[in-house]
């Protein structure tokens, strides 16, 4: 089988951007972002 992979850029929704901006305004500095396999207890996930 032949395959191809193309990266995309997923930017925040306005509400997400507002909260991330608030943390930056409070002095928090971005360290890293990763994804964890699994589900958060009590939160509906697809």
ModelCIF file with pLDDT and N, C-alpha, C, O atoms, coordinates in Angstrom:
data_MODEL
#
_entry.id   MODEL 
#
_entity.id                         1 
_entity.type                       polymer 
_entity.pdbx_number_of_molecules   1 
#
_entity_poly.entity_id                      1 
_entity_poly.type                           'polypeptide(L)' 
_entity_poly.nstd_linkage                   no 
_entity_poly.nstd_monomer                   no 
_entity_poly.pdbx_seq_one_letter_code       
;(UNK)(UNK)(UNK)(UNK)(UNK)(UNK)(UNK)(UNK)(UNK)(UNK)(UNK)(UNK)(UNK)(UNK)(UNK)(UNK)
(UNK)(UNK)(UNK)(UNK)(UNK)(UNK)(UNK)(UNK)(UNK)(UNK)(UNK)(UNK)(UNK)(UNK)(UNK)(UNK)
(UNK)(UNK)(UNK)(UNK)(UNK)(UNK)(UNK)(UNK)(UNK)(UNK)(UNK)(UNK)(UNK)(UNK)
;
_entity_poly.pdbx_seq_one_letter_code_can   XXXXXXXXXXXXXXXXXXXXXXXXXXXXXXXXXXXXXXXXXXXXXX 
_entity_poly.pdbx_strand_id                 A 
#
loop_
_entity_poly_seq.entity_id 
_entity_poly_seq.num 
_entity_poly_seq.mon_id 
_entity_poly_seq.hetero 
1 1  UNK n 
1 2  UNK n 
1 3  UNK n 
1 4  UNK n 
1 5  UNK n 
1 6  UNK n 
1 7  UNK n 
1 8  UNK n 
1 9  UNK n 
1 10 UNK n 
1 11 UNK n 
1 12 UNK n 
1 13 UNK n 
1 14 UNK n 
1 15 UNK n 
1 16 UNK n 
1 17 UNK n 
1 18 UNK n 
1 19 UNK n 
1 20 UNK n 
1 21 UNK n 
1 22 UNK n 
1 23 UNK n 
1 24 UNK n 
1 25 UNK n 
1 26 UNK n 
1 27 UNK n 
1 28 UNK n 
1 29 UNK n 
1 30 UNK n 
1 31 UNK n 
1 32 UNK n 
1 33 UNK n 
1 34 UNK n 
1 35 UNK n 
1 36 UNK n 
1 37 UNK n 
1 38 UNK n 
1 39 UNK n 
1 40 UNK n 
1 41 UNK n 
1 42 UNK n 
1 43 UNK n 
1 44 UNK n 
1 45 UNK n 
1 46 UNK n 
#
_struct_asym.id          A 
_struct_asym.entity_id   1 
#
loop_
_ma_qa_metric.id 
_ma_qa_metric.mode 
_ma_qa_metric.name 
_ma_qa_metric.software_group_id 
_ma_qa_metric.type 
1 global pLDDT . pLDDT 
2 local  pLDDT . pLDDT 
#
_ma_qa_metric_global.metric_id      1 
_ma_qa_metric_global.metric_value   93.93 
_ma_qa_metric_global.model_id       1 
_ma_qa_metric_global.ordinal_id     1 
#
loop_
_ma_qa_metric_local.label_asym_id 
_ma_qa_metric_local.label_comp_id 
_ma_qa_metric_local.label_seq_id 
_ma_qa_metric_local.metric_id 
_ma_qa_metric_local.metric_value 
_ma_qa_metric_local.model_id 
_ma_qa_metric_local.ordinal_id 
A UNK 1  2 74.00 1 1  
A UNK 2  2 75.00 1 2  
A UNK 3  2 83.00 1 3  
A UNK 4  2 85.00 1 4  
A UNK 5  2 90.00 1 5  
A UNK 6  2 95.00 1 6  
A UNK 7  2 96.00 1 7  
A UNK 8  2 97.00 1 8  
A UNK 9  2 97.00 1 9  
A UNK 10 2 98.00 1 10 
A UNK 11 2 98.00 1 11 
A UNK 12 2 98.00 1 12 
A UNK 13 2 98.00 1 13 
A UNK 14 2 97.00 1 14 
A UNK 15 2 98.00 1 15 
A UNK 16 2 98.00 1 16 
A UNK 17 2 97.00 1 17 
A UNK 18 2 97.00 1 18 
A UNK 19 2 96.00 1 19 
A UNK 20 2 97.00 1 20 
A UNK 21 2 97.00 1 21 
A UNK 22 2 97.00 1 22 
A UNK 23 2 96.00 1 23 
A UNK 24 2 96.00 1 24 
A UNK 25 2 96.00 1 25 
A UNK 26 2 95.00 1 26 
A UNK 27 2 95.00 1 27 
A UNK 28 2 95.00 1 28 
A UNK 29 2 95.00 1 29 
A UNK 30 2 95.00 1 30 
A UNK 31 2 94.00 1 31 
A UNK 32 2 94.00 1 32 
A UNK 33 2 96.00 1 33 
A UNK 34 2 95.00 1 34 
A UNK 35 2 97.00 1 35 
A UNK 36 2 95.00 1 36 
A UNK 37 2 95.00 1 37 
A UNK 38 2 94.00 1 38 
A UNK 39 2 93.00 1 39 
A UNK 40 2 92.00 1 40 
A UNK 41 2 88.00 1 41 
A UNK 42 2 89.00 1 42 
A UNK 43 2 93.00 1 43 
A UNK 44 2 94.00 1 44 
A UNK 45 2 96.00 1 45 
A UNK 46 2 95.00 1 46 
#
loop_
_atom_site.group_PDB 
_atom_site.id 
_atom_site.type_symbol 
_atom_site.label_atom_id 
_atom_site.label_alt_id 
_atom_site.label_comp_id 
_atom_site.label_asym_id 
_atom_site.label_entity_id 
_atom_site.label_seq_id 
_atom_site.pdbx_PDB_ins_code 
_atom_site.Cartn_x 
_atom_site.Cartn_y 
_atom_site.Cartn_z 
_atom_site.occupancy 
_atom_site.B_iso_or_equiv 
_atom_site.pdbx_formal_charge 
_atom_site.auth_seq_id 
_atom_site.auth_comp_id 
_atom_site.auth_asym_id 
_atom_site.auth_atom_id 
_atom_site.pdbx_PDB_model_num 
ATOM 1   N N  . UNK A 1 1  ? 0.830   -1.201 0.000  1.00 74.00 ? 1  UNK A N  1 
ATOM 2   C CA . UNK A 1 1  ? 0.000   0.000  0.000  1.00 74.00 ? 1  UNK A CA 1 
ATOM 3   C C  . UNK A 1 1  ? 0.867   1.255  0.000  1.00 74.00 ? 1  UNK A C  1 
ATOM 4   O O  . UNK A 1 1  ? 1.942   1.288  0.599  1.00 74.00 ? 1  UNK A O  1 
ATOM 5   N N  . UNK A 1 2  ? 0.376   2.283  -0.684 1.00 75.00 ? 2  UNK A N  1 
ATOM 6   C CA . UNK A 1 2  ? 1.066   3.574  -0.728 1.00 75.00 ? 2  UNK A CA 1 
ATOM 7   C C  . UNK A 1 2  ? 0.440   4.511  0.307  1.00 75.00 ? 2  UNK A C  1 
ATOM 8   O O  . UNK A 1 2  ? -0.770  4.486  0.529  1.00 75.00 ? 2  UNK A O  1 
ATOM 9   N N  . UNK A 1 3  ? 1.287   5.341  0.940  1.00 83.00 ? 3  UNK A N  1 
ATOM 10  C CA . UNK A 1 3  ? 0.794   6.282  1.943  1.00 83.00 ? 3  UNK A CA 1 
ATOM 11  C C  . UNK A 1 3  ? 1.444   7.644  1.750  1.00 83.00 ? 3  UNK A C  1 
ATOM 12  O O  . UNK A 1 3  ? 2.480   7.777  1.098  1.00 83.00 ? 3  UNK A O  1 
ATOM 13  N N  . UNK A 1 4  ? 0.807   8.648  2.335  1.00 85.00 ? 4  UNK A N  1 
ATOM 14  C CA . UNK A 1 4  ? 1.327   10.011 2.303  1.00 85.00 ? 4  UNK A CA 1 
ATOM 15  C C  . UNK A 1 4  ? 0.910   10.661 3.608  1.00 85.00 ? 4  UNK A C  1 
ATOM 16  O O  . UNK A 1 4  ? -0.184  10.386 4.102  1.00 85.00 ? 4  UNK A O  1 
ATOM 17  N N  . UNK A 1 5  ? 1.758   11.525 4.189  1.00 90.00 ? 5  UNK A N  1 
ATOM 18  C CA . UNK A 1 5  ? 1.436   12.188 5.452  1.00 90.00 ? 5  UNK A CA 1 
ATOM 19  C C  . UNK A 1 5  ? 1.726   13.673 5.324  1.00 90.00 ? 5  UNK A C  1 
ATOM 20  O O  . UNK A 1 5  ? 2.828   14.073 4.950  1.00 90.00 ? 5  UNK A O  1 
ATOM 21  N N  . UNK A 1 6  ? 0.716   14.492 5.643  1.00 95.00 ? 6  UNK A N  1 
ATOM 22  C CA . UNK A 1 6  ? 0.844   15.937 5.535  1.00 95.00 ? 6  UNK A CA 1 
ATOM 23  C C  . UNK A 1 6  ? 0.490   16.590 6.867  1.00 95.00 ? 6  UNK A C  1 
ATOM 24  O O  . UNK A 1 6  ? -0.617  16.397 7.370  1.00 95.00 ? 6  UNK A O  1 
ATOM 25  N N  . UNK A 1 7  ? 1.419   17.365 7.450  1.00 96.00 ? 7  UNK A N  1 
ATOM 26  C CA . UNK A 1 7  ? 1.127   18.000 8.733  1.00 96.00 ? 7  UNK A CA 1 
ATOM 27  C C  . UNK A 1 7  ? 0.092   19.109 8.579  1.00 96.00 ? 7  UNK A C  1 
ATOM 28  O O  . UNK A 1 7  ? 0.033   19.775 7.545  1.00 96.00 ? 7  UNK A O  1 
ATOM 29  N N  . UNK A 1 8  ? -0.729  19.303 9.622  1.00 97.00 ? 8  UNK A N  1 
ATOM 30  C CA . UNK A 1 8  ? -1.664  20.415 9.679  1.00 97.00 ? 8  UNK A CA 1 
ATOM 31  C C  . UNK A 1 8  ? -1.419  21.185 10.967 1.00 97.00 ? 8  UNK A C  1 
ATOM 32  O O  . UNK A 1 8  ? -0.843  20.660 11.920 1.00 97.00 ? 8  UNK A O  1 
ATOM 33  N N  . UNK A 1 9  ? -1.862  22.432 10.982 1.00 97.00 ? 9  UNK A N  1 
ATOM 34  C CA . UNK A 1 9  ? -1.704  23.300 12.150 1.00 97.00 ? 9  UNK A CA 1 
ATOM 35  C C  . UNK A 1 9  ? -3.079  23.525 12.771 1.00 97.00 ? 9  UNK A C  1 
ATOM 36  O O  . UNK A 1 9  ? -3.960  24.115 12.147 1.00 97.00 ? 9  UNK A O  1 
ATOM 37  N N  . UNK A 1 10 ? -3.258  23.049 14.013 1.00 98.00 ? 10 UNK A N  1 
ATOM 38  C CA . UNK A 1 10 ? -4.526  23.213 14.713 1.00 98.00 ? 10 UNK A CA 1 
ATOM 39  C C  . UNK A 1 10 ? -4.369  24.373 15.702 1.00 98.00 ? 10 UNK A C  1 
ATOM 40  O O  . UNK A 1 10 ? -3.645  24.266 16.692 1.00 98.00 ? 10 UNK A O  1 
ATOM 41  N N  . UNK A 1 11 ? -5.055  25.476 15.419 1.00 98.00 ? 11 UNK A N  1 
ATOM 42  C CA . UNK A 1 11 ? -4.974  26.676 16.247 1.00 98.00 ? 11 UNK A CA 1 
ATOM 43  C C  . UNK A 1 11 ? -6.112  26.690 17.268 1.00 98.00 ? 11 UNK A C  1 
ATOM 44  O O  . UNK A 1 11 ? -7.135  26.042 17.047 1.00 98.00 ? 11 UNK A O  1 
ATOM 45  N N  . UNK A 1 12 ? -5.957  27.411 18.380 1.00 98.00 ? 12 UNK A N  1 
ATOM 46  C CA . UNK A 1 12 ? -6.983  27.385 19.426 1.00 98.00 ? 12 UNK A CA 1 
ATOM 47  C C  . UNK A 1 12 ? -8.292  28.046 18.991 1.00 98.00 ? 12 UNK A C  1 
ATOM 48  O O  . UNK A 1 12 ? -8.309  28.952 18.158 1.00 98.00 ? 12 UNK A O  1 
ATOM 49  N N  . UNK A 1 13 ? -9.373  27.568 19.577 1.00 98.00 ? 13 UNK A N  1 
ATOM 50  C CA . UNK A 1 13 ? -10.635 28.282 19.513 1.00 98.00 ? 13 UNK A CA 1 
ATOM 51  C C  . UNK A 1 13 ? -10.493 29.571 20.326 1.00 98.00 ? 13 UNK A C  1 
ATOM 52  O O  . UNK A 1 13 ? -9.618  29.645 21.189 1.00 98.00 ? 13 UNK A O  1 
ATOM 53  N N  . UNK A 1 14 ? -11.329 30.592 20.078 1.00 97.00 ? 14 UNK A N  1 
ATOM 54  C CA . UNK A 1 14 ? -11.209 31.845 20.839 1.00 97.00 ? 14 UNK A CA 1 
ATOM 55  C C  . UNK A 1 14 ? -11.229 31.640 22.356 1.00 97.00 ? 14 UNK A C  1 
ATOM 56  O O  . UNK A 1 14 ? -10.471 32.291 23.075 1.00 97.00 ? 14 UNK A O  1 
ATOM 57  N N  . UNK A 1 15 ? -12.084 30.744 22.848 1.00 98.00 ? 15 UNK A N  1 
ATOM 58  C CA . UNK A 1 15 ? -12.147 30.514 24.298 1.00 98.00 ? 15 UNK A CA 1 
ATOM 59  C C  . UNK A 1 15 ? -10.865 29.869 24.805 1.00 98.00 ? 15 UNK A C  1 
ATOM 60  O O  . UNK A 1 15 ? -10.394 30.209 25.891 1.00 98.00 ? 15 UNK A O  1 
ATOM 61  N N  . UNK A 1 16 ? -10.293 28.945 24.042 1.00 98.00 ? 16 UNK A N  1 
ATOM 62  C CA . UNK A 1 16 ? -9.033  28.323 24.437 1.00 98.00 ? 16 UNK A CA 1 
ATOM 63  C C  . UNK A 1 16 ? -7.903  29.352 24.437 1.00 98.00 ? 16 UNK A C  1 
ATOM 64  O O  . UNK A 1 16 ? -7.082  29.393 25.353 1.00 98.00 ? 16 UNK A O  1 
ATOM 65  N N  . UNK A 1 17 ? -7.878  30.177 23.399 1.00 97.00 ? 17 UNK A N  1 
ATOM 66  C CA . UNK A 1 17 ? -6.840  31.199 23.310 1.00 97.00 ? 17 UNK A CA 1 
ATOM 67  C C  . UNK A 1 17 ? -6.925  32.166 24.486 1.00 97.00 ? 17 UNK A C  1 
ATOM 68  O O  . UNK A 1 17 ? -5.900  32.586 25.023 1.00 97.00 ? 17 UNK A O  1 
ATOM 69  N N  . UNK A 1 18 ? -8.152  32.521 24.887 1.00 97.00 ? 18 UNK A N  1 
ATOM 70  C CA . UNK A 1 18 ? -8.323  33.463 25.999 1.00 97.00 ? 18 UNK A CA 1 
ATOM 71  C C  . UNK A 1 18 ? -7.761  32.889 27.294 1.00 97.00 ? 18 UNK A C  1 
ATOM 72  O O  . UNK A 1 18 ? -7.113  33.611 28.053 1.00 97.00 ? 18 UNK A O  1 
ATOM 73  N N  . UNK A 1 19 ? -7.993  31.612 27.562 1.00 96.00 ? 19 UNK A N  1 
ATOM 74  C CA . UNK A 1 19 ? -7.495  31.005 28.799 1.00 96.00 ? 19 UNK A CA 1 
ATOM 75  C C  . UNK A 1 19 ? -5.977  30.843 28.757 1.00 96.00 ? 19 UNK A C  1 
ATOM 76  O O  . UNK A 1 19 ? -5.305  31.092 29.758 1.00 96.00 ? 19 UNK A O  1 
ATOM 77  N N  . UNK A 1 20 ? -5.436  30.436 27.629 1.00 97.00 ? 20 UNK A N  1 
ATOM 78  C CA . UNK A 1 20 ? -3.981  30.314 27.510 1.00 97.00 ? 20 UNK A CA 1 
ATOM 79  C C  . UNK A 1 20 ? -3.308  31.677 27.649 1.00 97.00 ? 20 UNK A C  1 
ATOM 80  O O  . UNK A 1 20 ? -2.239  31.791 28.249 1.00 97.00 ? 20 UNK A O  1 
ATOM 81  N N  . UNK A 1 21 ? -3.936  32.699 27.095 1.00 97.00 ? 21 UNK A N  1 
ATOM 82  C CA . UNK A 1 21 ? -3.404  34.059 27.240 1.00 97.00 ? 21 UNK A CA 1 
ATOM 83  C C  . UNK A 1 21 ? -3.425  34.493 28.702 1.00 97.00 ? 21 UNK A C  1 
ATOM 84  O O  . UNK A 1 21 ? -2.497  35.152 29.170 1.00 97.00 ? 21 UNK A O  1 
ATOM 85  N N  . UNK A 1 22 ? -4.489  34.121 29.425 1.00 97.00 ? 22 UNK A N  1 
ATOM 86  C CA . UNK A 1 22 ? -4.588  34.487 30.840 1.00 97.00 ? 22 UNK A CA 1 
ATOM 87  C C  . UNK A 1 22 ? -3.435  33.868 31.639 1.00 97.00 ? 22 UNK A C  1 
ATOM 88  O O  . UNK A 1 22 ? -2.855  34.531 32.499 1.00 97.00 ? 22 UNK A O  1 
ATOM 89  N N  . UNK A 1 23 ? -3.101  32.612 31.364 1.00 96.00 ? 23 UNK A N  1 
ATOM 90  C CA . UNK A 1 23 ? -1.975  31.997 32.065 1.00 96.00 ? 23 UNK A CA 1 
ATOM 91  C C  . UNK A 1 23 ? -0.672  32.727 31.739 1.00 96.00 ? 23 UNK A C  1 
ATOM 92  O O  . UNK A 1 23 ? 0.158   32.937 32.623 1.00 96.00 ? 23 UNK A O  1 
ATOM 93  N N  . UNK A 1 24 ? -0.492  33.110 30.484 1.00 96.00 ? 24 UNK A N  1 
ATOM 94  C CA . UNK A 1 24 ? 0.701   33.871 30.108 1.00 96.00 ? 24 UNK A CA 1 
ATOM 95  C C  . UNK A 1 24 ? 0.735   35.209 30.842 1.00 96.00 ? 24 UNK A C  1 
ATOM 96  O O  . UNK A 1 24 ? 1.794   35.634 31.305 1.00 96.00 ? 24 UNK A O  1 
ATOM 97  N N  . UNK A 1 25 ? -0.414  35.875 30.952 1.00 96.00 ? 25 UNK A N  1 
ATOM 98  C CA . UNK A 1 25 ? -0.479  37.156 31.663 1.00 96.00 ? 25 UNK A CA 1 
ATOM 99  C C  . UNK A 1 25 ? -0.189  36.997 33.150 1.00 96.00 ? 25 UNK A C  1 
ATOM 100 O O  . UNK A 1 25 ? 0.287   37.933 33.792 1.00 96.00 ? 25 UNK A O  1 
ATOM 101 N N  . UNK A 1 26 ? -0.472  35.818 33.702 1.00 95.00 ? 26 UNK A N  1 
ATOM 102 C CA . UNK A 1 26 ? -0.186  35.546 35.119 1.00 95.00 ? 26 UNK A CA 1 
ATOM 103 C C  . UNK A 1 26 ? 1.274   35.155 35.347 1.00 95.00 ? 26 UNK A C  1 
ATOM 104 O O  . UNK A 1 26 ? 1.690   34.945 36.486 1.00 95.00 ? 26 UNK A O  1 
ATOM 105 N N  . UNK A 1 27 ? 2.047   35.057 34.274 1.00 95.00 ? 27 UNK A N  1 
ATOM 106 C CA . UNK A 1 27 ? 3.475   34.768 34.402 1.00 95.00 ? 27 UNK A CA 1 
ATOM 107 C C  . UNK A 1 27 ? 3.875   33.337 34.167 1.00 95.00 ? 27 UNK A C  1 
ATOM 108 O O  . UNK A 1 27 ? 5.046   32.996 34.331 1.00 95.00 ? 27 UNK A O  1 
ATOM 109 N N  . UNK A 1 28 ? 2.929   32.472 33.781 1.00 95.00 ? 28 UNK A N  1 
ATOM 110 C CA . UNK A 1 28 ? 3.278   31.081 33.494 1.00 95.00 ? 28 UNK A CA 1 
ATOM 111 C C  . UNK A 1 28 ? 3.986   30.998 32.138 1.00 95.00 ? 28 UNK A C  1 
ATOM 112 O O  . UNK A 1 28 ? 3.595   31.664 31.180 1.00 95.00 ? 28 UNK A O  1 
ATOM 113 N N  . UNK A 1 29 ? 5.020   30.177 32.076 1.00 95.00 ? 29 UNK A N  1 
ATOM 114 C CA . UNK A 1 29 ? 5.799   30.028 30.852 1.00 95.00 ? 29 UNK A CA 1 
ATOM 115 C C  . UNK A 1 29 ? 5.584   28.639 30.253 1.00 95.00 ? 29 UNK A C  1 
ATOM 116 O O  . UNK A 1 29 ? 5.684   27.624 30.943 1.00 95.00 ? 29 UNK A O  1 
ATOM 117 N N  . UNK A 1 30 ? 5.290   28.619 28.961 1.00 95.00 ? 30 UNK A N  1 
ATOM 118 C CA . UNK A 1 30 ? 5.048   27.348 28.275 1.00 95.00 ? 30 UNK A CA 1 
ATOM 119 C C  . UNK A 1 30 ? 6.281   26.458 28.364 1.00 95.00 ? 30 UNK A C  1 
ATOM 120 O O  . UNK A 1 30 ? 7.402   26.907 28.125 1.00 95.00 ? 30 UNK A O  1 
ATOM 121 N N  . UNK A 1 31 ? 6.062   25.184 28.712 1.00 94.00 ? 31 UNK A N  1 
ATOM 122 C CA . UNK A 1 31 ? 7.142   24.202 28.808 1.00 94.00 ? 31 UNK A CA 1 
ATOM 123 C C  . UNK A 1 31 ? 7.091   23.185 27.683 1.00 94.00 ? 31 UNK A C  1 
ATOM 124 O O  . UNK A 1 31 ? 8.084   22.977 26.985 1.00 94.00 ? 31 UNK A O  1 
ATOM 125 N N  . UNK A 1 32 ? 5.930   22.546 27.500 1.00 94.00 ? 32 UNK A N  1 
ATOM 126 C CA . UNK A 1 32 ? 5.811   21.480 26.525 1.00 94.00 ? 32 UNK A CA 1 
ATOM 127 C C  . UNK A 1 32 ? 4.333   21.130 26.372 1.00 94.00 ? 32 UNK A C  1 
ATOM 128 O O  . UNK A 1 32 ? 3.507   21.515 27.200 1.00 94.00 ? 32 UNK A O  1 
ATOM 129 N N  . UNK A 1 33 ? 4.011   20.405 25.320 1.00 96.00 ? 33 UNK A N  1 
ATOM 130 C CA . UNK A 1 33 ? 2.648   19.891 25.134 1.00 96.00 ? 33 UNK A CA 1 
ATOM 131 C C  . UNK A 1 33 ? 2.751   18.468 24.609 1.00 96.00 ? 33 UNK A C  1 
ATOM 132 O O  . UNK A 1 33 ? 3.522   18.191 23.690 1.00 96.00 ? 33 UNK A O  1 
ATOM 133 N N  . UNK A 1 34 ? 1.971   17.569 25.195 1.00 95.00 ? 34 UNK A N  1 
ATOM 134 C CA . UNK A 1 34 ? 1.965   16.206 24.678 1.00 95.00 ? 34 UNK A CA 1 
ATOM 135 C C  . UNK A 1 34 ? 0.570   15.624 24.820 1.00 95.00 ? 34 UNK A C  1 
ATOM 136 O O  . UNK A 1 34 ? -0.308  16.221 25.442 1.00 95.00 ? 34 UNK A O  1 
ATOM 137 N N  . UNK A 1 35 ? 0.382   14.459 24.238 1.00 97.00 ? 35 UNK A N  1 
ATOM 138 C CA . UNK A 1 35 ? -0.910  13.777 24.280 1.00 97.00 ? 35 UNK A CA 1 
ATOM 139 C C  . UNK A 1 35 ? -0.743  12.466 25.015 1.00 97.00 ? 35 UNK A C  1 
ATOM 140 O O  . UNK A 1 35 ? 0.211   11.725 24.781 1.00 97.00 ? 35 UNK A O  1 
ATOM 141 N N  . UNK A 1 36 ? -1.681  12.185 25.906 1.00 95.00 ? 36 UNK A N  1 
ATOM 142 C CA . UNK A 1 36 ? -1.668  10.975 26.717 1.00 95.00 ? 36 UNK A CA 1 
ATOM 143 C C  . UNK A 1 36 ? -2.832  10.082 26.294 1.00 95.00 ? 36 UNK A C  1 
ATOM 144 O O  . UNK A 1 36 ? -3.970  10.540 26.191 1.00 95.00 ? 36 UNK A O  1 
ATOM 145 N N  . UNK A 1 37 ? -2.539  8.808  26.050 1.00 95.00 ? 37 UNK A N  1 
ATOM 146 C CA . UNK A 1 37 ? -3.621  7.892  25.729 1.00 95.00 ? 37 UNK A CA 1 
ATOM 147 C C  . UNK A 1 37 ? -4.417  7.578  26.993 1.00 95.00 ? 37 UNK A C  1 
ATOM 148 O O  . UNK A 1 37 ? -3.841  7.342  28.055 1.00 95.00 ? 37 UNK A O  1 
ATOM 149 N N  . UNK A 1 38 ? -5.747  7.576  26.872 1.00 94.00 ? 38 UNK A N  1 
ATOM 150 C CA . UNK A 1 38 ? -6.598  7.293  28.007 1.00 94.00 ? 38 UNK A CA 1 
ATOM 151 C C  . UNK A 1 38 ? -7.742  8.281  28.103 1.00 94.00 ? 38 UNK A C  1 
ATOM 152 O O  . UNK A 1 38 ? -7.920  9.131  27.230 1.00 94.00 ? 38 UNK A O  1 
ATOM 153 N N  . UNK A 1 39 ? -8.519  8.161  29.175 1.00 93.00 ? 39 UNK A N  1 
ATOM 154 C CA . UNK A 1 39 ? -9.671  9.032  29.387 1.00 93.00 ? 39 UNK A CA 1 
ATOM 155 C C  . UNK A 1 39 ? -9.584  9.692  30.761 1.00 93.00 ? 39 UNK A C  1 
ATOM 156 O O  . UNK A 1 39 ? -9.097  9.094  31.720 1.00 93.00 ? 39 UNK A O  1 
ATOM 157 N N  . UNK A 1 40 ? -10.049 10.898 30.837 1.00 92.00 ? 40 UNK A N  1 
ATOM 158 C CA . UNK A 1 40 ? -10.083 11.631 32.092 1.00 92.00 ? 40 UNK A CA 1 
ATOM 159 C C  . UNK A 1 40 ? -11.357 11.246 32.836 1.00 92.00 ? 40 UNK A C  1 
ATOM 160 O O  . UNK A 1 40 ? -12.458 11.343 32.294 1.00 92.00 ? 40 UNK A O  1 
ATOM 161 N N  . UNK A 1 41 ? -11.201 10.820 34.053 1.00 88.00 ? 41 UNK A N  1 
ATOM 162 C CA . UNK A 1 41 ? -12.355 10.377 34.840 1.00 88.00 ? 41 UNK A CA 1 
ATOM 163 C C  . UNK A 1 41 ? -13.374 11.503 34.975 1.00 88.00 ? 41 UNK A C  1 
ATOM 164 O O  . UNK A 1 41 ? -13.037 12.619 35.370 1.00 88.00 ? 41 UNK A O  1 
ATOM 165 N N  . UNK A 1 42 ? -14.639 11.191 34.638 1.00 89.00 ? 42 UNK A N  1 
ATOM 166 C CA . UNK A 1 42 ? -15.715 12.163 34.793 1.00 89.00 ? 42 UNK A CA 1 
ATOM 167 C C  . UNK A 1 42 ? -15.890 13.130 33.637 1.00 89.00 ? 42 UNK A C  1 
ATOM 168 O O  . UNK A 1 42 ? -16.767 13.992 33.685 1.00 89.00 ? 42 UNK A O  1 
ATOM 169 N N  . UNK A 1 43 ? -15.075 13.005 32.602 1.00 93.00 ? 43 UNK A N  1 
ATOM 170 C CA . UNK A 1 43 ? -15.166 13.911 31.450 1.00 93.00 ? 43 UNK A CA 1 
ATOM 171 C C  . UNK A 1 43 ? -15.566 13.095 30.215 1.00 93.00 ? 43 UNK A C  1 
ATOM 172 O O  . UNK A 1 43 ? -14.988 12.043 29.943 1.00 93.00 ? 43 UNK A O  1 
ATOM 173 N N  . UNK A 1 44 ? -16.544 13.584 29.485 1.00 94.00 ? 44 UNK A N  1 
ATOM 174 C CA . UNK A 1 44 ? -16.995 12.885 28.270 1.00 94.00 ? 44 UNK A CA 1 
ATOM 175 C C  . UNK A 1 44 ? -15.998 13.118 27.143 1.00 94.00 ? 44 UNK A C  1 
ATOM 176 O O  . UNK A 1 44 ? -15.766 14.254 26.730 1.00 94.00 ? 44 UNK A O  1 
ATOM 177 N N  . UNK A 1 45 ? -15.413 12.031 26.652 1.00 96.00 ? 45 UNK A N  1 
ATOM 178 C CA . UNK A 1 45 ? -14.449 12.092 25.555 1.00 96.00 ? 45 UNK A CA 1 
ATOM 179 C C  . UNK A 1 45 ? -14.875 11.172 24.422 1.00 96.00 ? 45 UNK A C  1 
ATOM 180 O O  . UNK A 1 45 ? -15.431 10.099 24.659 1.00 96.00 ? 45 UNK A O  1 
ATOM 181 N N  . UNK A 1 46 ? -14.612 11.593 23.195 1.00 95.00 ? 46 UNK A N  1 
ATOM 182 C CA . UNK A 1 46 ? -14.804 10.736 22.035 1.00 95.00 ? 46 UNK A CA 1 
ATOM 183 C C  . UNK A 1 46 ? -13.468 10.177 21.537 1.00 95.00 ? 46 UNK A C  1 
ATOM 184 O O  . UNK A 1 46 ? -13.437 9.428  20.560 1.00 95.00 ? 46 UNK A O  1 
#
